[in-house]
Amino acid sequence: MGRLVGYVLALCVGFWFVSCAMVPKPVSENPATIVWNFAGSFYDTARDRLITKSALTYWRKINEDGSFGDRFAIGGANAFNRAINTTRFRKVRDEVVVLDSGEYFLDSFELEAPRSIAQSQPGDYTERDGWDHGANAPRFLSLKVAPGARVVLPKLVFKVVQNGDKTSYTQEIKILICSLENQKDKAKSAEDFANEMDLSGFALRYGNAIAIETAPSDLCEEIFAPEADRRK
């Protein structure tokens, strides 16, 4: 009986992990190695409470035929915690991801909030859509990486300011970019996009669904500085 229970539990855990948007394994011989660090900063004005944790981001690859690949998650919480729908997001930290070259767009994102999770769009992550089909462009942003590239992405802060109580409130949402002096322009032509990737191994493309701004240097230092430095 004990073996049967253990087998059932193993199957359940396996199902959780498979259904939990794992990062795809590269299939090419020359994938790209990418260092990510995206933070989620949620400020509730009614409670005067600020929560800053790793942002949970969902991505999809744009295939050569124009179709979209499966959604996969980076940041926020590990696969097990996502499977049980926990609100306990991990601390901000670098994360190394190995992906096939190509273009990936941000499909949706989630932030830890007081007693809940703030989402970029309603519904389950499998029901959200981060692509602007009318403009044929990303709603939030997309990333293009070259074969064999080894890059450190600019650190991003998904900032949400909630004004008012839970029965009547407004939210201001921005994506703040740290240390991105050479990529401040939101709009890029296809030629600029390709040239930029040739120079640095990656390129970012911004959408119009959310305001995207350069982050103040002191905010970046406060959020992304090593924990030992923050305690000084």
C-alpha atoms as a PDB file:
ATOM      1  CA  MET A   1       0.000   0.000   0.000  1.00  0.00           C
ATOM      2  CA  GLY A   2       2.813   2.359   0.907  1.00  0.00           C
ATOM      3  CA  ARG A   3       4.505   1.703  -2.420  1.00  0.00           C
ATOM      4  CA  LEU A   4       1.251   2.438  -4.262  1.00  0.00           C
ATOM      5  CA  VAL A   5       0.807   5.747  -2.433  1.00  0.00           C
ATOM      6  CA  GLY A   6       4.416   6.667  -3.194  1.00  0.00           C
ATOM      7  CA  TYR A   7       3.931   5.786  -6.854  1.00  0.00           C
ATOM      8  CA  VAL A   8       0.776   7.908  -7.078  1.00  0.00           C
ATOM      9  CA  LEU A   9       2.507  10.828  -5.385  1.00  0.00           C
ATOM     10  CA  ALA A  10       5.445  10.519  -7.767  1.00  0.00           C
ATOM     11  CA  LEU A  11       3.077  10.568 -10.729  1.00  0.00           C
ATOM     12  CA  CYS A  12       1.316  13.653  -9.341  1.00  0.00           C
ATOM     13  CA  VAL A  13       4.580  15.502  -8.768  1.00  0.00           C
ATOM     14  CA  GLY A  14       5.761  14.509 -12.229  1.00  0.00           C
ATOM     15  CA  PHE A  15       2.545  15.814 -13.738  1.00  0.00           C
ATOM     16  CA  TRP A  16       2.933  19.090 -11.829  1.00  0.00           C
ATOM     17  CA  PHE A  17       6.418  19.614 -13.186  1.00  0.00           C
ATOM     18  CA  VAL A  18       5.520  18.720 -16.767  1.00  0.00           C
ATOM     19  CA  SER A  19       2.496  21.040 -16.720  1.00  0.00           C
ATOM     20  CA  CYS A  20       4.382  23.889 -15.113  1.00  0.00           C
ATOM     21  CA  ALA A  21       6.004  25.696 -18.035  1.00  0.00           C
ATOM     22  CA  MET A  22       9.547  24.379 -17.734  1.00  0.00           C
ATOM     23  CA  VAL A  23      12.314  26.045 -19.761  1.00  0.00           C
ATOM     24  CA  PRO A  24      12.721  24.047 -23.005  1.00  0.00           C
ATOM     25  CA  LYS A  25      15.926  22.111 -23.534  1.00  0.00           C
ATOM     26  CA  PRO A  26      17.980  23.395 -26.485  1.00  0.00           C
ATOM     27  CA  VAL A  27      17.967  21.238 -29.592  1.00  0.00           C
ATOM     28  CA  SER A  28      20.605  23.120 -31.574  1.00  0.00           C
ATOM     29  CA  GLU A  29      24.351  22.487 -31.321  1.00  0.00           C
ATOM     30  CA  ASN A  30      25.114  26.143 -30.582  1.00  0.00           C
ATOM     31  CA  PRO A  31      22.560  27.536 -28.116  1.00  0.00           C
ATOM     32  CA  ALA A  32      22.757  30.880 -26.349  1.00  0.00           C
ATOM     33  CA  THR A  33      23.594  31.268 -22.652  1.00  0.00           C
ATOM     34  CA  ILE A  34      21.689  34.108 -21.008  1.00  0.00           C
ATOM     35  CA  VAL A  35      21.829  35.630 -17.521  1.00  0.00           C
ATOM     36  CA  TRP A  36      18.417  36.982 -16.450  1.00  0.00           C
ATOM     37  CA  ASN A  37      17.433  39.009 -13.397  1.00  0.00           C
ATOM     38  CA  PHE A  38      13.942  40.512 -13.468  1.00  0.00           C
ATOM     39  CA  ALA A  39      12.439  41.951 -10.292  1.00  0.00           C
ATOM     40  CA  GLY A  40       8.824  42.583  -9.398  1.00  0.00           C
ATOM     41  CA  SER A  41       8.147  45.624  -7.214  1.00  0.00           C
ATOM     42  CA  PHE A  42       4.587  45.997  -5.856  1.00  0.00           C
ATOM     43  CA  TYR A  43       3.666  49.058  -3.791  1.00  0.00           C
ATOM     44  CA  ASP A  44       0.255  49.252  -2.073  1.00  0.00           C
ATOM     45  CA  THR A  45      -0.422  52.900  -1.181  1.00  0.00           C
ATOM     46  CA  ALA A  46      -3.383  52.064   1.082  1.00  0.00           C
ATOM     47  CA  ARG A  47      -1.224  49.853   3.309  1.00  0.00           C
ATOM     48  CA  ASP A  48       2.033  51.692   2.606  1.00  0.00           C
ATOM     49  CA  ARG A  49       3.600  48.336   1.885  1.00  0.00           C
ATOM     50  CA  LEU A  50       6.312  47.524  -0.650  1.00  0.00           C
ATOM     51  CA  ILE A  51       7.141  43.988  -1.780  1.00  0.00           C
ATOM     52  CA  THR A  52      10.122  43.348  -4.034  1.00  0.00           C
ATOM     53  CA  LYS A  53      10.771  39.781  -5.178  1.00  0.00           C
ATOM     54  CA  SER A  54      11.800  37.975  -8.322  1.00  0.00           C
ATOM     55  CA  ALA A  55       9.227  38.509 -11.086  1.00  0.00           C
ATOM     56  CA  LEU A  56       7.639  35.403 -12.589  1.00  0.00           C
ATOM     57  CA  THR A  57       7.768  35.802 -16.373  1.00  0.00           C
ATOM     58  CA  TYR A  58       6.277  33.604 -19.093  1.00  0.00           C
ATOM     59  CA  TRP A  59       7.839  33.500 -22.562  1.00  0.00           C
ATOM     60  CA  ARG A  60       7.146  32.004 -25.986  1.00  0.00           C
ATOM     61  CA  LYS A  61       9.458  31.499 -28.929  1.00  0.00           C
ATOM     62  CA  ILE A  62       8.538  32.782 -32.381  1.00  0.00           C
ATOM     63  CA  ASN A  63       9.141  29.845 -34.719  1.00  0.00           C
ATOM     64  CA  GLU A  64      10.501  30.210 -38.242  1.00  0.00           C
ATOM     65  CA  ASP A  65       7.012  29.703 -39.700  1.00  0.00           C
ATOM     66  CA  GLY A  66       5.584  32.504 -37.537  1.00  0.00           C
ATOM     67  CA  SER A  67       3.854  30.210 -35.057  1.00  0.00           C
ATOM     68  CA  PHE A  68       4.485  30.420 -31.310  1.00  0.00           C
ATOM     69  CA  GLY A  69       6.153  27.803 -29.158  1.00  0.00           C
ATOM     70  CA  ASP A  70       4.978  26.544 -25.792  1.00  0.00           C
ATOM     71  CA  ARG A  71       4.992  28.922 -22.844  1.00  0.00           C
ATOM     72  CA  PHE A  72       7.823  28.581 -20.349  1.00  0.00           C
ATOM     73  CA  ALA A  73       8.571  30.329 -17.084  1.00  0.00           C
ATOM     74  CA  ILE A  74      11.658  32.145 -15.820  1.00  0.00           C
ATOM     75  CA  GLY A  75      12.026  33.666 -12.343  1.00  0.00           C
ATOM     76  CA  GLY A  76       9.469  34.132  -9.602  1.00  0.00           C
ATOM     77  CA  ALA A  77       9.272  30.691  -8.047  1.00  0.00           C
ATOM     78  CA  ASN A  78      10.538  27.234  -8.825  1.00  0.00           C
ATOM     79  CA  ALA A  79       8.468  24.702 -10.745  1.00  0.00           C
ATOM     80  CA  PHE A  80       7.136  22.928  -7.631  1.00  0.00           C
ATOM     81  CA  ASN A  81       5.912  26.157  -6.034  1.00  0.00           C
ATOM     82  CA  ARG A  82       4.257  27.178  -9.299  1.00  0.00           C
ATOM     83  CA  ALA A  83       2.551  23.788  -9.460  1.00  0.00           C
ATOM     84  CA  ILE A  84       0.913  24.266  -6.050  1.00  0.00           C
ATOM     85  CA  ASN A  85       0.125  27.927  -6.845  1.00  0.00           C
ATOM     86  CA  THR A  86       2.136  29.339  -3.960  1.00  0.00           C
ATOM     87  CA  THR A  87       2.447  33.082  -3.455  1.00  0.00           C
ATOM     88  CA  ARG A  88       5.943  32.714  -2.012  1.00  0.00           C
ATOM     89  CA  PHE A  89       8.194  34.144  -4.691  1.00  0.00           C
ATOM     90  CA  ARG A  90      11.936  33.917  -4.219  1.00  0.00           C
ATOM     91  CA  LYS A  91      14.367  36.756  -3.675  1.00  0.00           C
ATOM     92  CA  VAL A  92      15.817  38.689  -6.593  1.00  0.00           C
ATOM     93  CA  ARG A  93      18.799  36.849  -8.064  1.00  0.00           C
ATOM     94  CA  ASP A  94      20.633  36.081 -11.299  1.00  0.00           C
ATOM     95  CA  GLU A  95      19.401  33.063 -13.226  1.00  0.00           C
ATOM     96  CA  VAL A  96      21.304  31.382 -16.056  1.00  0.00           C
ATOM     97  CA  VAL A  97      19.170  30.012 -18.898  1.00  0.00           C
ATOM     98  CA  VAL A  98      20.327  28.173 -22.027  1.00  0.00           C
ATOM     99  CA  LEU A  99      18.060  28.606 -25.048  1.00  0.00           C
ATOM    100  CA  ASP A 100      18.149  27.998 -28.767  1.00  0.00           C
ATOM    101  CA  SER A 101      18.864  31.141 -30.769  1.00  0.00           C
ATOM    102  CA  GLY A 102      15.907  33.119 -32.084  1.00  0.00           C
ATOM    103  CA  GLU A 103      13.276  35.563 -30.871  1.00  0.00           C
ATOM    104  CA  TYR A 104      11.250  35.140 -27.686  1.00  0.00           C
ATOM    105  CA  PHE A 105       8.470  37.423 -26.475  1.00  0.00           C
ATOM    106  CA  LEU A 106       7.196  38.099 -22.975  1.00  0.00           C
ATOM    107  CA  ASP A 107       3.720  36.541 -22.887  1.00  0.00           C
ATOM    108  CA  SER A 108       2.763  37.588 -19.341  1.00  0.00           C
ATOM    109  CA  PHE A 109       4.198  38.180 -15.891  1.00  0.00           C
ATOM    110  CA  GLU A 110       3.246  37.888 -12.223  1.00  0.00           C
ATOM    111  CA  LEU A 111       4.412  39.685  -9.077  1.00  0.00           C
ATOM    112  CA  GLU A 112       4.050  38.887  -5.409  1.00  0.00           C
ATOM    113  CA  ALA A 113       1.534  41.245  -3.770  1.00  0.00           C
ATOM    114  CA  PRO A 114       0.094  41.422  -0.231  1.00  0.00           C
ATOM    115  CA  ARG A 115      -1.874  38.167   0.256  1.00  0.00           C
ATOM    116  CA  SER A 116      -2.173  37.638  -3.493  1.00  0.00           C
ATOM    117  CA  ILE A 117      -0.443  37.584  -6.878  1.00  0.00           C
ATOM    118  CA  ALA A 118      -0.598  40.541  -9.272  1.00  0.00           C
ATOM    119  CA  GLN A 119      -0.930  39.471 -12.908  1.00  0.00           C
ATOM    120  CA  SER A 120      -0.257  41.357 -16.127  1.00  0.00           C
ATOM    121  CA  GLN A 121      -3.452  39.891 -17.612  1.00  0.00           C
ATOM    122  CA  PRO A 122      -6.391  38.005 -16.081  1.00  0.00           C
ATOM    123  CA  GLY A 123      -6.796  34.248 -16.207  1.00  0.00           C
ATOM    124  CA  ASP A 124      -4.415  31.329 -16.152  1.00  0.00           C
ATOM    125  CA  TYR A 125      -1.026  31.869 -17.803  1.00  0.00           C
ATOM    126  CA  THR A 126      -2.046  29.489 -20.597  1.00  0.00           C
ATOM    127  CA  GLU A 127      -4.932  31.827 -21.509  1.00  0.00           C
ATOM    128  CA  ARG A 128      -2.914  35.043 -21.743  1.00  0.00           C
ATOM    129  CA  ASP A 129      -1.465  36.536 -24.898  1.00  0.00           C
ATOM    130  CA  GLY A 130       1.542  38.856 -24.989  1.00  0.00           C
ATOM    131  CA  TRP A 131       1.487  39.319 -28.758  1.00  0.00           C
ATOM    132  CA  ASP A 132      -0.197  42.265 -30.488  1.00  0.00           C
ATOM    133  CA  HIS A 133      -1.625  40.492 -33.522  1.00  0.00           C
ATOM    134  CA  GLY A 134      -2.857  43.713 -35.135  1.00  0.00           C
ATOM    135  CA  ALA A 135       0.589  45.317 -35.070  1.00  0.00           C
ATOM    136  CA  ASN A 136       2.415  41.989 -35.424  1.00  0.00           C
ATOM    137  CA  ALA A 137       4.640  42.992 -32.522  1.00  0.00           C
ATOM    138  CA  PRO A 138       5.115  42.142 -28.834  1.00  0.00           C
ATOM    139  CA  ARG A 139       2.720  43.782 -26.386  1.00  0.00           C
ATOM    140  CA  PHE A 140       5.426  44.130 -23.715  1.00  0.00           C
ATOM    141  CA  LEU A 141       8.847  43.214 -25.088  1.00  0.00           C
ATOM    142  CA  SER A 142      10.735  40.555 -26.966  1.00  0.00           C
ATOM    143  CA  LEU A 143      14.283  39.264 -26.873  1.00  0.00           C
ATOM    144  CA  LYS A 144      16.343  38.031 -29.807  1.00  0.00           C
ATOM    145  CA  VAL A 145      19.540  36.067 -29.191  1.00  0.00           C
ATOM    146  CA  ALA A 146      22.246  34.977 -31.624  1.00  0.00           C
ATOM    147  CA  PRO A 147      23.630  31.426 -31.895  1.00  0.00           C
ATOM    148  CA  GLY A 148      26.292  30.750 -29.298  1.00  0.00           C
ATOM    149  CA  ALA A 149      25.797  34.144 -27.620  1.00  0.00           C
ATOM    150  CA  ARG A 150      26.804  34.531 -23.984  1.00  0.00           C
ATOM    151  CA  VAL A 151      25.023  37.602 -22.716  1.00  0.00           C
ATOM    152  CA  VAL A 152      23.968  39.297 -19.503  1.00  0.00           C
ATOM    153  CA  LEU A 153      20.600  40.938 -20.034  1.00  0.00           C
ATOM    154  CA  PRO A 154      19.832  44.366 -18.590  1.00  0.00           C
ATOM    155  CA  LYS A 155      18.119  44.041 -15.232  1.00  0.00           C
ATOM    156  CA  LEU A 156      14.399  44.864 -15.394  1.00  0.00           C
ATOM    157  CA  VAL A 157      11.942  45.964 -12.716  1.00  0.00           C
ATOM    158  CA  PHE A 158       8.247  45.284 -13.245  1.00  0.00           C
ATOM    159  CA  LYS A 159       6.812  48.033 -11.084  1.00  0.00           C
ATOM    160  CA  VAL A 160       3.171  48.108  -9.956  1.00  0.00           C
ATOM    161  CA  VAL A 161       1.759  50.920  -7.799  1.00  0.00           C
ATOM    162  CA  GLN A 162      -1.734  50.226  -6.463  1.00  0.00           C
ATOM    163  CA  ASN A 163      -3.765  53.227  -5.316  1.00  0.00           C
ATOM    164  CA  GLY A 164      -6.880  52.658  -3.196  1.00  0.00           C
ATOM    165  CA  ASP A 165      -8.356  49.589  -1.488  1.00  0.00           C
ATOM    166  CA  LYS A 166      -9.178  46.229  -3.052  1.00  0.00           C
ATOM    167  CA  THR A 167     -12.793  47.187  -3.777  1.00  0.00           C
ATOM    168  CA  SER A 168     -11.879  50.303  -5.731  1.00  0.00           C
ATOM    169  CA  TYR A 169      -8.352  50.879  -6.910  1.00  0.00           C
ATOM    170  CA  THR A 170      -6.210  51.825  -9.874  1.00  0.00           C
ATOM    171  CA  GLN A 171      -2.867  50.367 -10.845  1.00  0.00           C
ATOM    172  CA  GLU A 172       0.080  52.033 -12.526  1.00  0.00           C
ATOM    173  CA  ILE A 173       2.333  49.490 -14.265  1.00  0.00           C
ATOM    174  CA  LYS A 174       5.757  50.187 -15.735  1.00  0.00           C
ATOM    175  CA  ILE A 175       8.798  48.252 -16.875  1.00  0.00           C
ATOM    176  CA  LEU A 176      11.960  49.963 -15.646  1.00  0.00           C
ATOM    177  CA  ILE A 177      15.257  49.150 -17.323  1.00  0.00           C
ATOM    178  CA  CYS A 178      18.581  49.239 -15.482  1.00  0.00           C
ATOM    179  CA  SER A 179      21.899  49.950 -17.212  1.00  0.00           C
ATOM    180  CA  LEU A 180      20.612  50.144 -20.748  1.00  0.00           C
ATOM    181  CA  GLU A 181      22.239  53.267 -22.120  1.00  0.00           C
ATOM    182  CA  ASN A 182      22.430  51.951 -25.672  1.00  0.00           C
ATOM    183  CA  GLN A 183      18.822  50.750 -25.865  1.00  0.00           C
ATOM    184  CA  LYS A 184      16.665  53.624 -24.628  1.00  0.00           C
ATOM    185  CA  ASP A 185      14.624  53.984 -27.802  1.00  0.00           C
ATOM    186  CA  LYS A 186      11.341  52.067 -27.657  1.00  0.00           C
ATOM    187  CA  ALA A 187      10.864  51.748 -31.408  1.00  0.00           C
ATOM    188  CA  LYS A 188      13.399  49.921 -33.553  1.00  0.00           C
ATOM    189  CA  SER A 189      13.340  49.076 -37.221  1.00  0.00           C
ATOM    190  CA  ALA A 190      13.938  45.476 -38.261  1.00  0.00           C
ATOM    191  CA  GLU A 191      17.362  46.549 -39.564  1.00  0.00           C
ATOM    192  CA  ASP A 192      18.319  48.194 -36.262  1.00  0.00           C
ATOM    193  CA  PHE A 193      17.089  45.118 -34.408  1.00  0.00           C
ATOM    194  CA  ALA A 194      19.320  42.834 -36.500  1.00  0.00           C
ATOM    195  CA  ASN A 195      22.350  45.146 -36.334  1.00  0.00           C
ATOM    196  CA  GLU A 196      22.093  45.426 -32.565  1.00  0.00           C
ATOM    197  CA  MET A 197      22.063  41.651 -32.165  1.00  0.00           C
ATOM    198  CA  ASP A 198      25.122  41.362 -34.414  1.00  0.00           C
ATOM    199  CA  LEU A 199      27.018  43.746 -32.138  1.00  0.00           C
ATOM    200  CA  SER A 200      26.058  42.426 -28.699  1.00  0.00           C
ATOM    201  CA  GLY A 201      24.627  38.947 -29.260  1.00  0.00           C
ATOM    202  CA  PHE A 202      21.136  40.017 -28.255  1.00  0.00           C
ATOM    203  CA  ALA A 203      18.540  42.707 -28.861  1.00  0.00           C
ATOM    204  CA  LEU A 204      15.407  43.864 -27.065  1.00  0.00           C
ATOM    205  CA  ARG A 205      12.239  45.040 -28.788  1.00  0.00           C
ATOM    206  CA  TYR A 206       9.599  46.967 -26.870  1.00  0.00           C
ATOM    207  CA  GLY A 207       5.822  46.972 -27.181  1.00  0.00           C
ATOM    208  CA  ASN A 208       3.271  49.646 -26.385  1.00  0.00           C
ATOM    209  CA  ALA A 209       1.058  47.914 -23.808  1.00  0.00           C
ATOM    210  CA  ILE A 210       3.073  49.171 -20.820  1.00  0.00           C
ATOM    211  CA  ALA A 211       5.232  52.244 -20.261  1.00  0.00           C
ATOM    212  CA  ILE A 212       8.934  51.391 -20.488  1.00  0.00           C
ATOM    213  CA  GLU A 213      11.413  53.743 -18.835  1.00  0.00           C
ATOM    214  CA  THR A 214      15.042  53.888 -17.780  1.00  0.00           C
ATOM    215  CA  ALA A 215      15.256  53.129 -14.065  1.00  0.00           C
ATOM    216  CA  PRO A 216      16.951  55.515 -11.616  1.00  0.00           C
ATOM    217  CA  SER A 217      20.401  54.220 -10.731  1.00  0.00           C
ATOM    218  CA  ASP A 218      19.693  54.319  -6.976  1.00  0.00           C
ATOM    219  CA  LEU A 219      16.618  52.101  -7.442  1.00  0.00           C
ATOM    220  CA  CYS A 220      18.655  49.582  -9.418  1.00  0.00           C
ATOM    221  CA  GLU A 221      21.366  49.530  -6.764  1.00  0.00           C
ATOM    222  CA  GLU A 222      18.793  49.085  -3.988  1.00  0.00           C
ATOM    223  CA  ILE A 223      17.048  46.145  -5.662  1.00  0.00           C
ATOM    224  CA  PHE A 224      19.902  44.321  -7.385  1.00  0.00           C
ATOM    225  CA  ALA A 225      22.862  44.959  -5.077  1.00  0.00           C
ATOM    226  CA  PRO A 226      24.168  41.812  -3.337  1.00  0.00           C
ATOM    227  CA  GLU A 227      22.334  41.184  -0.061  1.00  0.00           C
ATOM    228  CA  ALA A 228      25.510  41.779   1.965  1.00  0.00           C
ATOM    229  CA  ASP A 229      25.826  45.228   0.403  1.00  0.00           C
ATOM    230  CA  ARG A 230      22.184  46.076   1.114  1.00  0.00           C
ATOM    231  CA  ARG A 231      22.690  45.371   4.826  1.00  0.00           C
ATOM    232  CA  LYS A 232      25.543  47.886   5.142  1.00  0.00           C
END
